[in-house]
Protein backbone atom coordinates (compact mmCIF):
# COMPACT_ATOMS: atom_id res chain seq x y z
CA MET A 1 145.63 91.18 48.44
CA THR A 2 142.93 93.38 47.15
CA ASP A 3 141.77 96.60 48.71
CA LYS A 4 138.59 95.01 49.92
CA GLU A 5 140.45 92.11 51.51
CA GLU A 6 142.91 94.50 53.08
CA LYS A 7 140.09 96.60 54.61
CA ASP A 8 138.39 93.46 55.93
CA PHE A 9 141.66 92.24 57.45
CA THR A 10 142.35 95.59 59.08
CA ARG A 11 138.81 95.76 60.43
CA ASP A 12 139.06 92.20 61.85
CA THR A 13 142.39 92.81 63.57
CA THR A 14 141.16 96.11 64.95
CA GLU A 15 138.07 94.42 66.39
CA GLU A 16 140.25 91.71 67.94
CA ASN A 17 142.56 94.30 69.46
CA ASN A 18 139.55 96.20 70.79
CA ASP A 19 138.21 92.99 72.33
CA LYS A 20 141.59 92.37 73.95
CA ASP A 21 141.77 95.93 75.25
CA GLU A 22 138.30 95.61 76.75
CA SER A 23 139.28 92.41 78.53
CA ARG A 24 142.44 94.08 79.89
CA VAL A 25 140.58 97.03 81.28
CA GLU A 26 138.88 95.87 84.42
CA SER A 27 135.60 97.27 85.42
CA PRO A 28 135.20 98.74 88.92
CA GLU A 29 133.01 95.75 89.84
CA LYS A 30 135.79 93.31 88.93
CA LYS A 31 138.30 95.35 90.95
CA ASP A 32 136.00 95.25 94.01
CA ILE A 33 135.51 91.49 93.68
CA ALA A 34 139.26 90.94 93.30
CA ALA A 35 139.94 93.07 96.39
CA GLU A 36 137.31 91.16 98.38
CA LEU A 37 138.75 87.83 97.29
CA LYS A 38 142.27 88.93 98.18
CA SER A 39 141.10 90.17 101.58
CA SER A 40 139.19 86.96 102.17
CA LEU A 41 142.22 84.88 101.18
CA GLU A 42 144.47 86.82 103.56
CA GLU A 43 141.94 86.40 106.37
CA LEU A 44 141.62 82.65 105.77
CA ASN A 45 145.39 82.28 105.54
CA ASP A 46 145.77 84.11 108.87
CA LYS A 47 143.15 81.83 110.47
CA TYR A 48 144.93 78.78 109.07
CA ILE A 49 148.30 79.88 110.47
CA ARG A 50 146.78 80.56 113.89
CA LEU A 51 144.93 77.22 113.89
CA TYR A 52 148.12 75.42 112.91
CA ALA A 53 150.04 77.14 115.74
CA ASP A 54 147.28 76.25 118.22
CA PHE A 55 147.38 72.64 117.07
CA GLU A 56 151.17 72.49 117.48
CA ASN A 57 150.82 73.92 121.02
CA TYR A 58 148.09 71.38 121.76
CA LYS A 59 150.37 68.55 120.63
CA LYS A 60 153.18 69.82 122.90
CA ILE A 61 150.86 70.17 125.90
CA THR A 62 149.37 66.73 125.31
CA ALA A 63 152.83 65.17 125.06
CA LYS A 64 153.91 66.87 128.31
CA ASN A 65 150.73 65.77 130.09
CA LYS A 66 151.27 62.21 128.91
CA GLU A 67 154.87 62.30 130.10
CA ASP A 68 153.81 63.65 133.51
CA LEU A 69 151.05 61.05 133.77
CA LEU A 70 153.55 58.26 133.18
CA LYS A 71 156.16 59.89 135.41
CA TYR A 72 153.82 60.28 138.39
CA ALA A 73 151.45 57.35 137.84
CA ASN A 74 152.58 55.68 141.08
CA GLU A 75 152.13 58.77 143.25
CA ASP A 76 148.97 57.57 145.01
CA LEU A 77 150.48 54.16 145.70
CA MET A 78 153.67 55.72 147.02
CA THR A 79 151.70 58.03 149.31
CA GLU A 80 149.82 55.05 150.76
CA ILE A 81 153.04 53.11 151.35
CA LEU A 82 154.59 56.04 153.23
CA THR A 83 152.37 55.28 156.23
CA VAL A 84 153.70 51.70 156.23
CA ILE A 85 157.25 53.07 156.26
CA ASP A 86 156.32 55.39 159.14
CA HIS A 87 154.95 52.45 161.16
CA LEU A 88 158.04 50.32 160.51
CA GLU A 89 160.32 53.19 161.58
CA LEU A 90 158.21 53.73 164.70
CA ALA A 91 158.47 50.01 165.51
CA LEU A 92 162.26 50.26 165.21
CA GLN A 93 162.34 53.26 167.56
CA HIS A 94 160.32 51.39 170.18
CA SER A 95 162.38 48.22 169.85
CA ALA A 96 165.62 50.14 170.39
CA ASP A 97 164.77 50.35 174.10
CA ASN A 98 164.03 46.62 174.39
CA LYS A 99 167.06 44.30 174.01
CA ALA A 100 164.86 41.18 173.95
CA SER A 101 163.40 42.11 170.58
CA ASP A 102 166.75 42.50 168.77
CA PRO A 103 166.15 39.68 166.23
CA LEU A 104 162.67 41.00 165.47
CA ALA A 105 164.02 44.55 165.16
CA GLU A 106 166.71 43.31 162.77
CA GLY A 107 164.00 41.69 160.60
CA VAL A 108 161.95 44.89 160.60
CA LYS A 109 165.08 46.90 159.74
CA LEU A 110 165.85 44.63 156.75
CA THR A 111 162.21 44.78 155.58
CA LEU A 112 162.24 48.58 155.82
CA LYS A 113 165.54 48.76 153.94
CA GLU A 114 164.23 46.55 151.10
CA LEU A 115 160.96 48.48 150.90
CA LYS A 116 162.79 51.81 150.67
CA SER A 117 165.20 50.38 148.09
CA ALA A 118 162.30 49.17 145.92
CA LEU A 119 160.56 52.55 146.13
CA GLU A 120 163.78 54.42 145.32
CA LYS A 121 163.96 52.53 142.02
CA TYR A 122 160.71 54.27 141.07
CA GLY A 123 161.88 57.74 142.08
CA LEU A 124 160.97 58.05 145.78
CA THR A 125 163.54 59.98 147.83
CA THR A 126 163.63 61.19 151.41
CA ILE A 127 163.73 64.94 151.96
CA GLU A 128 166.64 65.77 154.26
CA ALA A 129 165.39 68.57 156.48
CA LEU A 130 167.48 68.75 159.65
CA GLY A 131 170.00 71.59 159.61
CA LYS A 132 168.70 72.96 156.31
CA PRO A 133 167.19 76.43 155.84
CA PHE A 134 163.41 76.42 156.10
CA ASP A 135 161.76 76.34 152.67
CA PRO A 136 157.95 76.73 152.73
CA SER A 137 157.65 75.03 149.34
CA MET A 138 159.47 71.99 150.71
CA HIS A 139 158.78 71.93 154.48
CA HIS A 140 155.69 72.21 156.64
CA ALA A 141 156.47 74.14 159.85
CA MET A 142 154.75 72.77 162.93
CA SER A 143 156.40 74.99 165.51
CA GLN A 144 159.09 77.52 166.23
CA ILE A 145 161.74 76.42 168.67
CA GLU A 146 163.72 79.04 170.57
CA THR A 147 167.41 78.23 170.43
CA ASP A 148 170.79 79.89 170.19
CA GLU A 149 172.44 76.74 168.79
CA ALA A 150 171.17 77.20 165.21
CA ASP A 151 170.64 80.06 162.81
CA GLU A 152 167.19 81.55 162.65
CA ASN A 153 164.81 79.88 160.14
CA THR A 154 166.81 76.65 160.17
CA VAL A 155 165.09 73.30 160.64
CA VAL A 156 166.09 72.00 164.09
CA LYS A 157 163.54 69.23 164.65
CA GLU A 158 161.80 66.80 162.32
CA PHE A 159 158.46 65.48 163.54
CA ARG A 160 157.71 63.41 160.42
CA LYS A 161 159.87 62.63 157.40
CA GLY A 162 159.02 64.07 154.03
CA TYR A 163 159.33 62.43 150.62
CA MET A 164 159.65 63.42 146.98
CA LEU A 165 158.65 61.50 143.89
CA ARG A 166 161.19 62.62 141.30
CA GLU A 167 160.95 66.46 141.40
CA ARG A 168 157.56 66.64 143.14
CA VAL A 169 157.01 66.80 146.91
CA ILE A 170 154.41 64.15 147.72
CA ARG A 171 154.63 64.62 151.49
CA ALA A 172 156.28 67.60 153.12
CA PRO A 173 158.30 66.94 156.27
CA LEU A 174 156.74 68.26 159.46
CA VAL A 175 159.46 70.37 161.09
CA GLY A 176 160.33 72.69 163.93
CA VAL A 177 162.07 75.88 162.88
CA ALA A 178 164.73 77.71 164.91
CA LYS A 179 163.88 81.05 166.40
CA LYS A 180 166.33 83.24 168.27
CA THR A 181 165.74 83.31 172.00
CA VAL A 182 164.33 86.51 173.31
CA THR A 183 166.33 87.92 176.23
CA THR A 184 164.64 90.30 178.60
């Protein structure tokens, strides 16, 4: 290689290295843009994560609502049928006094038994209230009855039966609650 070629080669490589050095050194404008982009990316990523979490919560709530809808779809029908059960039980109470209506009472008793059995298959249960402690979330107090025969705040009289559909009270029993007698 001649001197001239060597100088040209050196000059070319030096220019290339200078070009590379210039591209490595970032200008303040490029640093600001990079910082903005990074900040924007972090912000968008945070929004995405929050949106994804909200969507997952929405899916869970929707699934629970659907399950509850299916679980309690018959609630209105059950509530309407409860009055029929009340009337059949009332008919049985009145027929207990009259011996002439025994065959009719037996038919009503069988009908009531079958109706209750069919409703129990779909989750209807009777709330047992007599002798139990009064629970305002479960019972509806109609009166206080003074007595020494039961503990205070115990259900001593049931005016109307209550019913639950699975874990939900659809009709609270109407009850009388024990109250200690006041002696003067």
